[in-house]
Amino acid sequence: VSAIDAMPGLQAFPTDANFFLVRVTADGGANGLRDALLARGIAVKSFHTPGTPLDSCIRVSTGTPEQNAALLAALGDIL
């Protein structure tokens, strides 16, 4: 979570679950980030429901250390 918080345009919410919620304020929003990650073989859930707390958020499931490293590398490239 702290590695994602350090990236521009992202805010990860604390969690005790096997997934975390990230607010996306970067250009392209949650849907744009979802599409860019999907193009790199990484699937996340995007929420676009204006007026709700989940608007402009993505849901990221935790994975293996290798998968988590790939996510962080992809986010670094995209952002």
PDB file of N, CA and C in Angstrom:
ATOM      1  N   VAL A   1       0.828  -1.192   0.000  1.00  0.00           N
ATOM      2  CA  VAL A   1       0.000   0.000   0.000  1.00  0.00           C
ATOM      3  C   VAL A   1       0.870   1.252   0.000  1.00  0.00           C
ATOM      4  N   SER A   2       1.947   1.272   0.780  1.00  0.00           N
ATOM      5  CA  SER A   2       2.785   2.472   0.840  1.00  0.00           C
ATOM      6  C   SER A   2       3.485   2.739  -0.486  1.00  0.00           C
ATOM      7  N   ALA A   3       3.836   1.685  -1.224  1.00  0.00           N
ATOM      8  CA  ALA A   3       4.486   1.883  -2.527  1.00  0.00           C
ATOM      9  C   ALA A   3       3.509   2.531  -3.509  1.00  0.00           C
ATOM     10  N   ILE A   4       2.250   2.167  -3.432  1.00  0.00           N
ATOM     11  CA  ILE A   4       1.248   2.770  -4.312  1.00  0.00           C
ATOM     12  C   ILE A   4       0.962   4.208  -3.895  1.00  0.00           C
ATOM     13  N   ASP A   5       0.889   4.455  -2.591  1.00  0.00           N
ATOM     14  CA  ASP A   5       0.661   5.825  -2.111  1.00  0.00           C
ATOM     15  C   ASP A   5       1.761   6.780  -2.564  1.00  0.00           C
ATOM     16  N   ALA A   6       2.952   6.261  -2.758  1.00  0.00           N
ATOM     17  CA  ALA A   6       4.073   7.100  -3.173  1.00  0.00           C
ATOM     18  C   ALA A   6       4.001   7.481  -4.648  1.00  0.00           C
ATOM     19  N   MET A   7       3.123   6.843  -5.398  1.00  0.00           N
ATOM     20  CA  MET A   7       3.014   7.129  -6.827  1.00  0.00           C
ATOM     21  C   MET A   7       2.067   8.302  -7.060  1.00  0.00           C
ATOM     22  N   PRO A   8       2.417   9.159  -8.018  1.00  0.00           N
ATOM     23  CA  PRO A   8       1.554  10.319  -8.285  1.00  0.00           C
ATOM     24  C   PRO A   8       0.197   9.906  -8.822  1.00  0.00           C
ATOM     25  N   GLY A   9      -0.844  10.513  -8.284  1.00  0.00           N
ATOM     26  CA  GLY A   9      -2.186  10.271  -8.779  1.00  0.00           C
ATOM     27  C   GLY A   9      -2.881   9.057  -8.201  1.00  0.00           C
ATOM     28  N   LEU A  10      -2.281   8.435  -7.168  1.00  0.00           N
ATOM     29  CA  LEU A  10      -2.887   7.260  -6.551  1.00  0.00           C
ATOM     30  C   LEU A  10      -2.952   7.428  -5.036  1.00  0.00           C
ATOM     31  N   GLN A  11      -4.042   6.954  -4.450  1.00  0.00           N
ATOM     32  CA  GLN A  11      -4.198   6.946  -2.994  1.00  0.00           C
ATOM     33  C   GLN A  11      -4.783   5.605  -2.602  1.00  0.00           C
ATOM     34  N   ALA A  12      -3.994   4.792  -1.902  1.00  0.00           N
ATOM     35  CA  ALA A  12      -4.470   3.477  -1.455  1.00  0.00           C
ATOM     36  C   ALA A  12      -5.085   3.608  -0.071  1.00  0.00           C
ATOM     37  N   PHE A  13      -6.188   2.911   0.118  1.00  0.00           N
ATOM     38  CA  PHE A  13      -6.859   2.910   1.410  1.00  0.00           C
ATOM     39  C   PHE A  13      -6.344   1.742   2.243  1.00  0.00           C
ATOM     40  N   PRO A  14      -6.182   1.922   3.559  1.00  0.00           N
ATOM     41  CA  PRO A  14      -5.729   0.820   4.415  1.00  0.00           C
ATOM     42  C   PRO A  14      -6.706  -0.357   4.340  1.00  0.00           C
ATOM     43  N   THR A  15      -6.161  -1.569   4.482  1.00  0.00           N
ATOM     44  CA  THR A  15      -7.006  -2.759   4.395  1.00  0.00           C
ATOM     45  C   THR A  15      -6.417  -3.902   5.197  1.00  0.00           C
ATOM     46  N   ASP A  16      -7.281  -4.793   5.612  1.00  0.00           N
ATOM     47  CA  ASP A  16      -6.871  -6.058   6.223  1.00  0.00           C
ATOM     48  C   ASP A  16      -7.330  -7.223   5.357  1.00  0.00           C
ATOM     49  N   ALA A  17      -7.852  -6.924   4.189  1.00  0.00           N
ATOM     50  CA  ALA A  17      -8.390  -7.944   3.290  1.00  0.00           C
ATOM     51  C   ALA A  17      -7.315  -8.398   2.299  1.00  0.00           C
ATOM     52  N   ASN A  18      -7.686  -9.291   1.395  1.00  0.00           N
ATOM     53  CA  ASN A  18      -6.756  -9.762   0.370  1.00  0.00           C
ATOM     54  C   ASN A  18      -6.825  -8.904  -0.896  1.00  0.00           C
ATOM     55  N   PHE A  19      -7.357  -7.725  -0.755  1.00  0.00           N
ATOM     56  CA  PHE A  19      -7.402  -6.760  -1.850  1.00  0.00           C
ATOM     57  C   PHE A  19      -7.308  -5.368  -1.242  1.00  0.00           C
ATOM     58  N   PHE A  20      -7.043  -4.378  -2.088  1.00  0.00           N
ATOM     59  CA  PHE A  20      -7.056  -3.008  -1.604  1.00  0.00           C
ATOM     60  C   PHE A  20      -7.707  -2.110  -2.629  1.00  0.00           C
ATOM     61  N   LEU A  21      -8.203  -1.001  -2.136  1.00  0.00           N
ATOM     62  CA  LEU A  21      -8.902  -0.019  -2.944  1.00  0.00           C
ATOM     63  C   LEU A  21      -7.969   1.167  -3.163  1.00  0.00           C
ATOM     64  N   VAL A  22      -7.914   1.639  -4.395  1.00  0.00           N
ATOM     65  CA  VAL A  22      -7.021   2.742  -4.757  1.00  0.00           C
ATOM     66  C   VAL A  22      -7.828   3.806  -5.476  1.00  0.00           C
ATOM     67  N   ARG A  23      -7.812   5.024  -4.959  1.00  0.00           N
ATOM     68  CA  ARG A  23      -8.434   6.152  -5.655  1.00  0.00           C
ATOM     69  C   ARG A  23      -7.455   6.646  -6.705  1.00  0.00           C
ATOM     70  N   VAL A  24      -7.948   6.862  -7.910  1.00  0.00           N
ATOM     71  CA  VAL A  24      -7.117   7.286  -9.036  1.00  0.00           C
ATOM     72  C   VAL A  24      -7.457   8.730  -9.383  1.00  0.00           C
ATOM     73  N   THR A  25      -6.488   9.614  -9.203  1.00  0.00           N
ATOM     74  CA  THR A  25      -6.665  11.012  -9.598  1.00  0.00           C
ATOM     75  C   THR A  25      -5.778  11.356 -10.793  1.00  0.00           C
ATOM     76  N   ALA A  26      -5.014  10.388 -11.269  1.00  0.00           N
ATOM     77  CA  ALA A  26      -4.130  10.592 -12.420  1.00  0.00           C
ATOM     78  C   ALA A  26      -4.959  10.780 -13.680  1.00  0.00           C
ATOM     79  N   ASP A  27      -4.343  11.357 -14.702  1.00  0.00           N
ATOM     80  CA  ASP A  27      -5.014  11.540 -15.994  1.00  0.00           C
ATOM     81  C   ASP A  27      -5.562  10.206 -16.487  1.00  0.00           C
ATOM     82  N   GLY A  28      -6.748  10.226 -17.024  1.00  0.00           N
ATOM     83  CA  GLY A  28      -7.382   9.012 -17.526  1.00  0.00           C
ATOM     84  C   GLY A  28      -8.280   8.339 -16.512  1.00  0.00           C
ATOM     85  N   GLY A  29      -8.113   8.678 -15.234  1.00  0.00           N
ATOM     86  CA  GLY A  29      -8.962   8.138 -14.185  1.00  0.00           C
ATOM     87  C   GLY A  29      -8.833   6.640 -14.022  1.00  0.00           C
ATOM     88  N   ALA A  30      -9.780   6.085 -13.283  1.00  0.00           N
ATOM     89  CA  ALA A  30      -9.763   4.661 -12.964  1.00  0.00           C
ATOM     90  C   ALA A  30      -9.893   3.800 -14.215  1.00  0.00           C
ATOM     91  N   ASN A  31     -10.780   4.180 -15.127  1.00  0.00           N
ATOM     92  CA  ASN A  31     -10.958   3.382 -16.341  1.00  0.00           C
ATOM     93  C   ASN A  31      -9.721   3.417 -17.227  1.00  0.00           C
ATOM     94  N   GLY A  32      -9.091   4.568 -17.335  1.00  0.00           N
ATOM     95  CA  GLY A  32      -7.873   4.673 -18.139  1.00  0.00           C
ATOM     96  C   GLY A  32      -6.746   3.837 -17.555  1.00  0.00           C
ATOM     97  N   LEU A  33      -6.612   3.864 -16.236  1.00  0.00           N
ATOM     98  CA  LEU A  33      -5.568   3.070 -15.593  1.00  0.00           C
ATOM     99  C   LEU A  33      -5.881   1.585 -15.746  1.00  0.00           C
ATOM    100  N   ARG A  34      -7.143   1.200 -15.572  1.00  0.00           N
ATOM    101  CA  ARG A  34      -7.545  -0.196 -15.772  1.00  0.00           C
ATOM    102  C   ARG A  34      -7.169  -0.671 -17.171  1.00  0.00           C
ATOM    103  N   ASP A  35      -7.470   0.138 -18.184  1.00  0.00           N
ATOM    104  CA  ASP A  35      -7.179  -0.252 -19.563  1.00  0.00           C
ATOM    105  C   ASP A  35      -5.677  -0.361 -19.805  1.00  0.00           C
ATOM    106  N   ALA A  36      -4.910   0.567 -19.254  1.00  0.00           N
ATOM    107  CA  ALA A  36      -3.454   0.537 -19.431  1.00  0.00           C
ATOM    108  C   ALA A  36      -2.845  -0.680 -18.743  1.00  0.00           C
ATOM    109  N   LEU A  37      -3.359  -1.030 -17.570  1.00  0.00           N
ATOM    110  CA  LEU A  37      -2.866  -2.223 -16.879  1.00  0.00           C
ATOM    111  C   LEU A  37      -3.270  -3.482 -17.632  1.00  0.00           C
ATOM    112  N   LEU A  38      -4.498  -3.525 -18.130  1.00  0.00           N
ATOM    113  CA  LEU A  38      -4.967  -4.694 -18.868  1.00  0.00           C
ATOM    114  C   LEU A  38      -4.120  -4.925 -20.121  1.00  0.00           C
ATOM    115  N   ALA A  39      -3.696  -3.856 -20.770  1.00  0.00           N
ATOM    116  CA  ALA A  39      -2.833  -3.974 -21.942  1.00  0.00           C
ATOM    117  C   ALA A  39      -1.489  -4.612 -21.590  1.00  0.00           C
ATOM    118  N   ARG A  40      -1.133  -4.569 -20.303  1.00  0.00           N
ATOM    119  CA  ARG A  40       0.105  -5.192 -19.816  1.00  0.00           C
ATOM    120  C   ARG A  40      -0.153  -6.536 -19.144  1.00  0.00           C
ATOM    121  N   GLY A  41      -1.367  -7.047 -19.282  1.00  0.00           N
ATOM    122  CA  GLY A  41      -1.703  -8.353 -18.740  1.00  0.00           C
ATOM    123  C   GLY A  41      -2.077  -8.361 -17.270  1.00  0.00           C
ATOM    124  N   ILE A  42      -2.425  -7.189 -16.720  1.00  0.00           N
ATOM    125  CA  ILE A  42      -2.783  -7.078 -15.307  1.00  0.00           C
ATOM    126  C   ILE A  42      -4.233  -6.623 -15.221  1.00  0.00           C
ATOM    127  N   ALA A  43      -5.067  -7.456 -14.598  1.00  0.00           N
ATOM    128  CA  ALA A  43      -6.496  -7.153 -14.497  1.00  0.00           C
ATOM    129  C   ALA A  43      -6.826  -6.576 -13.126  1.00  0.00           C
ATOM    130  N   VAL A  44      -7.536  -5.470 -13.120  1.00  0.00           N
ATOM    131  CA  VAL A  44      -8.053  -4.853 -11.899  1.00  0.00           C
ATOM    132  C   VAL A  44      -9.512  -4.492 -12.147  1.00  0.00           C
ATOM    133  N   LYS A  45     -10.260  -4.311 -11.094  1.00  0.00           N
ATOM    134  CA  LYS A  45     -11.666  -3.900 -11.189  1.00  0.00           C
ATOM    135  C   LYS A  45     -11.721  -2.382 -11.113  1.00  0.00           C
ATOM    136  N   SER A  46     -12.421  -1.763 -12.032  1.00  0.00           N
ATOM    137  CA  SER A  46     -12.584  -0.314 -12.051  1.00  0.00           C
ATOM    138  C   SER A  46     -13.997   0.055 -11.634  1.00  0.00           C
ATOM    139  N   PHE A  47     -14.116   1.095 -10.830  1.00  0.00           N
ATOM    140  CA  PHE A  47     -15.421   1.602 -10.417  1.00  0.00           C
ATOM    141  C   PHE A  47     -15.600   2.999 -10.984  1.00  0.00           C
ATOM    142  N   HIS A  48     -16.710   3.216 -11.644  1.00  0.00           N
ATOM    143  CA  HIS A  48     -17.034   4.553 -12.147  1.00  0.00           C
ATOM    144  C   HIS A  48     -18.515   4.785 -11.883  1.00  0.00           C
ATOM    145  N   THR A  49     -18.772   5.215 -10.668  1.00  0.00           N
ATOM    146  CA  THR A  49     -20.138   5.504 -10.254  1.00  0.00           C
ATOM    147  C   THR A  49     -20.147   6.893  -9.639  1.00  0.00           C
ATOM    148  N   PRO A  50     -20.345   7.924 -10.458  1.00  0.00           N
ATOM    149  CA  PRO A  50     -20.297   9.291  -9.947  1.00  0.00           C
ATOM    150  C   PRO A  50     -21.198   9.495  -8.732  1.00  0.00           C
ATOM    151  N   GLY A  51     -20.676  10.240  -7.784  1.00  0.00           N
ATOM    152  CA  GLY A  51     -21.433  10.567  -6.585  1.00  0.00           C
ATOM    153  C   GLY A  51     -21.358   9.522  -5.490  1.00  0.00           C
ATOM    154  N   THR A  52     -20.596   8.455  -5.713  1.00  0.00           N
ATOM    155  CA  THR A  52     -20.449   7.425  -4.683  1.00  0.00           C
ATOM    156  C   THR A  52     -19.018   7.428  -4.166  1.00  0.00           C
ATOM    157  N   PRO A  53     -18.785   6.857  -2.989  1.00  0.00           N
ATOM    158  CA  PRO A  53     -17.423   6.806  -2.450  1.00  0.00           C
ATOM    159  C   PRO A  53     -16.448   6.008  -3.316  1.00  0.00           C
ATOM    160  N   LEU A  54     -16.953   5.103  -4.148  1.00  0.00           N
ATOM    161  CA  LEU A  54     -16.073   4.289  -4.981  1.00  0.00           C
ATOM    162  C   LEU A  54     -15.725   4.936  -6.313  1.00  0.00           C
ATOM    163  N   ASP A  55     -16.320   6.076  -6.630  1.00  0.00           N
ATOM    164  CA  ASP A  55     -16.050   6.717  -7.912  1.00  0.00           C
ATOM    165  C   ASP A  55     -14.556   6.949  -8.079  1.00  0.00           C
ATOM    166  N   SER A  56     -14.052   6.631  -9.246  1.00  0.00           N
ATOM    167  CA  SER A  56     -12.648   6.816  -9.608  1.00  0.00           C
ATOM    168  C   SER A  56     -11.710   5.936  -8.792  1.00  0.00           C
ATOM    169  N   CYS A  57     -12.159   4.730  -8.453  1.00  0.00           N
ATOM    170  CA  CYS A  57     -11.318   3.798  -7.706  1.00  0.00           C
ATOM    171  C   CYS A  57     -11.104   2.525  -8.517  1.00  0.00           C
ATOM    172  N   ILE A  58     -10.004   1.846  -8.213  1.00  0.00           N
ATOM    173  CA  ILE A  58      -9.774   0.504  -8.715  1.00  0.00           C
ATOM    174  C   ILE A  58      -9.607  -0.421  -7.521  1.00  0.00           C
ATOM    175  N   ARG A  59      -9.977  -1.681  -7.723  1.00  0.00           N
ATOM    176  CA  ARG A  59      -9.805  -2.712  -6.701  1.00  0.00           C
ATOM    177  C   ARG A  59      -8.709  -3.637  -7.194  1.00  0.00           C
ATOM    178  N   VAL A  60      -7.687  -3.808  -6.369  1.00  0.00           N
ATOM    179  CA  VAL A  60      -6.534  -4.621  -6.730  1.00  0.00           C
ATOM    180  C   VAL A  60      -6.435  -5.785  -5.758  1.00  0.00           C
ATOM    181  N   SER A  61      -6.470  -7.010  -6.274  1.00  0.00           N
ATOM    182  CA  SER A  61      -6.275  -8.179  -5.430  1.00  0.00           C
ATOM    183  C   SER A  61      -4.784  -8.400  -5.216  1.00  0.00           C
ATOM    184  N   THR A  62      -4.430  -8.804  -4.004  1.00  0.00           N
ATOM    185  CA  THR A  62      -3.026  -9.106  -3.746  1.00  0.00           C
ATOM    186  C   THR A  62      -2.676 -10.407  -4.450  1.00  0.00           C
ATOM    187  N   GLY A  63      -1.432 -10.526  -4.855  1.00  0.00           N
ATOM    188  CA  GLY A  63      -0.985 -11.709  -5.577  1.00  0.00           C
ATOM    189  C   GLY A  63       0.306 -12.237  -4.990  1.00  0.00           C
ATOM    190  N   THR A  64       1.009 -12.984  -5.793  1.00  0.00           N
ATOM    191  CA  THR A  64       2.314 -13.485  -5.394  1.00  0.00           C
ATOM    192  C   THR A  64       3.294 -12.319  -5.366  1.00  0.00           C
ATOM    193  N   PRO A  65       4.435 -12.486  -4.723  1.00  0.00           N
ATOM    194  CA  PRO A  65       5.424 -11.401  -4.759  1.00  0.00           C
ATOM    195  C   PRO A  65       5.789 -10.984  -6.188  1.00  0.00           C
ATOM    196  N   GLU A  66       5.861 -11.944  -7.094  1.00  0.00           N
ATOM    197  CA  GLU A  66       6.195 -11.625  -8.485  1.00  0.00           C
ATOM    198  C   GLU A  66       5.077 -10.824  -9.153  1.00  0.00           C
ATOM    199  N   GLN A  67       3.825 -11.204  -8.887  1.00  0.00           N
ATOM    200  CA  GLN A  67       2.693 -10.471  -9.452  1.00  0.00           C
ATOM    201  C   GLN A  67       2.614  -9.055  -8.884  1.00  0.00           C
ATOM    202  N   ASN A  68       2.853  -8.916  -7.600  1.00  0.00           N
ATOM    203  CA  ASN A  68       2.830  -7.590  -6.977  1.00  0.00           C
ATOM    204  C   ASN A  68       3.937  -6.704  -7.543  1.00  0.00           C
ATOM    205  N   ALA A  69       5.113  -7.295  -7.765  1.00  0.00           N
ATOM    206  CA  ALA A  69       6.222  -6.537  -8.356  1.00  0.00           C
ATOM    207  C   ALA A  69       5.879  -6.111  -9.781  1.00  0.00           C
ATOM    208  N   ALA A  70       5.216  -6.991 -10.532  1.00  0.00           N
ATOM    209  CA  ALA A  70       4.814  -6.646 -11.902  1.00  0.00           C
ATOM    210  C   ALA A  70       3.807  -5.503 -11.891  1.00  0.00           C
ATOM    211  N   LEU A  71       2.881  -5.525 -10.937  1.00  0.00           N
ATOM    212  CA  LEU A  71       1.906  -4.433 -10.811  1.00  0.00           C
ATOM    213  C   LEU A  71       2.614  -3.114 -10.545  1.00  0.00           C
ATOM    214  N   LEU A  72       3.513  -3.102  -9.581  1.00  0.00           N
ATOM    215  CA  LEU A  72       4.227  -1.865  -9.246  1.00  0.00           C
ATOM    216  C   LEU A  72       5.060  -1.366 -10.421  1.00  0.00           C
ATOM    217  N   ALA A  73       5.705  -2.280 -11.142  1.00  0.00           N
ATOM    218  CA  ALA A  73       6.493  -1.880 -12.307  1.00  0.00           C
ATOM    219  C   ALA A  73       5.595  -1.284 -13.389  1.00  0.00           C
ATOM    220  N   ALA A  74       4.444  -1.918 -13.631  1.00  0.00           N
ATOM    221  CA  ALA A  74       3.508  -1.397 -14.633  1.00  0.00           C
ATOM    222  C   ALA A  74       2.974  -0.031 -14.228  1.00  0.00           C
ATOM    223  N   LEU A  75       2.620   0.138 -12.958  1.00  0.00           N
ATOM    224  CA  LEU A  75       2.148   1.434 -12.495  1.00  0.00           C
ATOM    225  C   LEU A  75       3.222   2.497 -12.677  1.00  0.00           C
ATOM    226  N   GLY A  76       4.460   2.147 -12.375  1.00  0.00           N
ATOM    227  CA  GLY A  76       5.562   3.087 -12.565  1.00  0.00           C
ATOM    228  C   GLY A  76       5.707   3.510 -14.024  1.00  0.00           C
ATOM    229  N   ASP A  77       5.555   2.557 -14.948  1.00  0.00           N
ATOM    230  CA  ASP A  77       5.642   2.869 -16.379  1.00  0.00           C
ATOM    231  C   ASP A  77       4.475   3.752 -16.829  1.00  0.00           C
ATOM    232  N   ILE A  78       3.288   3.435 -16.346  1.00  0.00           N
ATOM    233  CA  ILE A  78       2.082   4.146 -16.791  1.00  0.00           C
ATOM    234  C   ILE A  78       2.038   5.560 -16.245  1.00  0.00           C
ATOM    235  N   LEU A  79       2.373   5.693 -14.968  1.00  0.00           N
ATOM    236  CA  LEU A  79       2.253   7.004 -14.337  1.00  0.00           C
ATOM    237  C   LEU A  79       3.501   7.805 -14.551  1.00  0.00           C
TER     238      LEU A  79
END
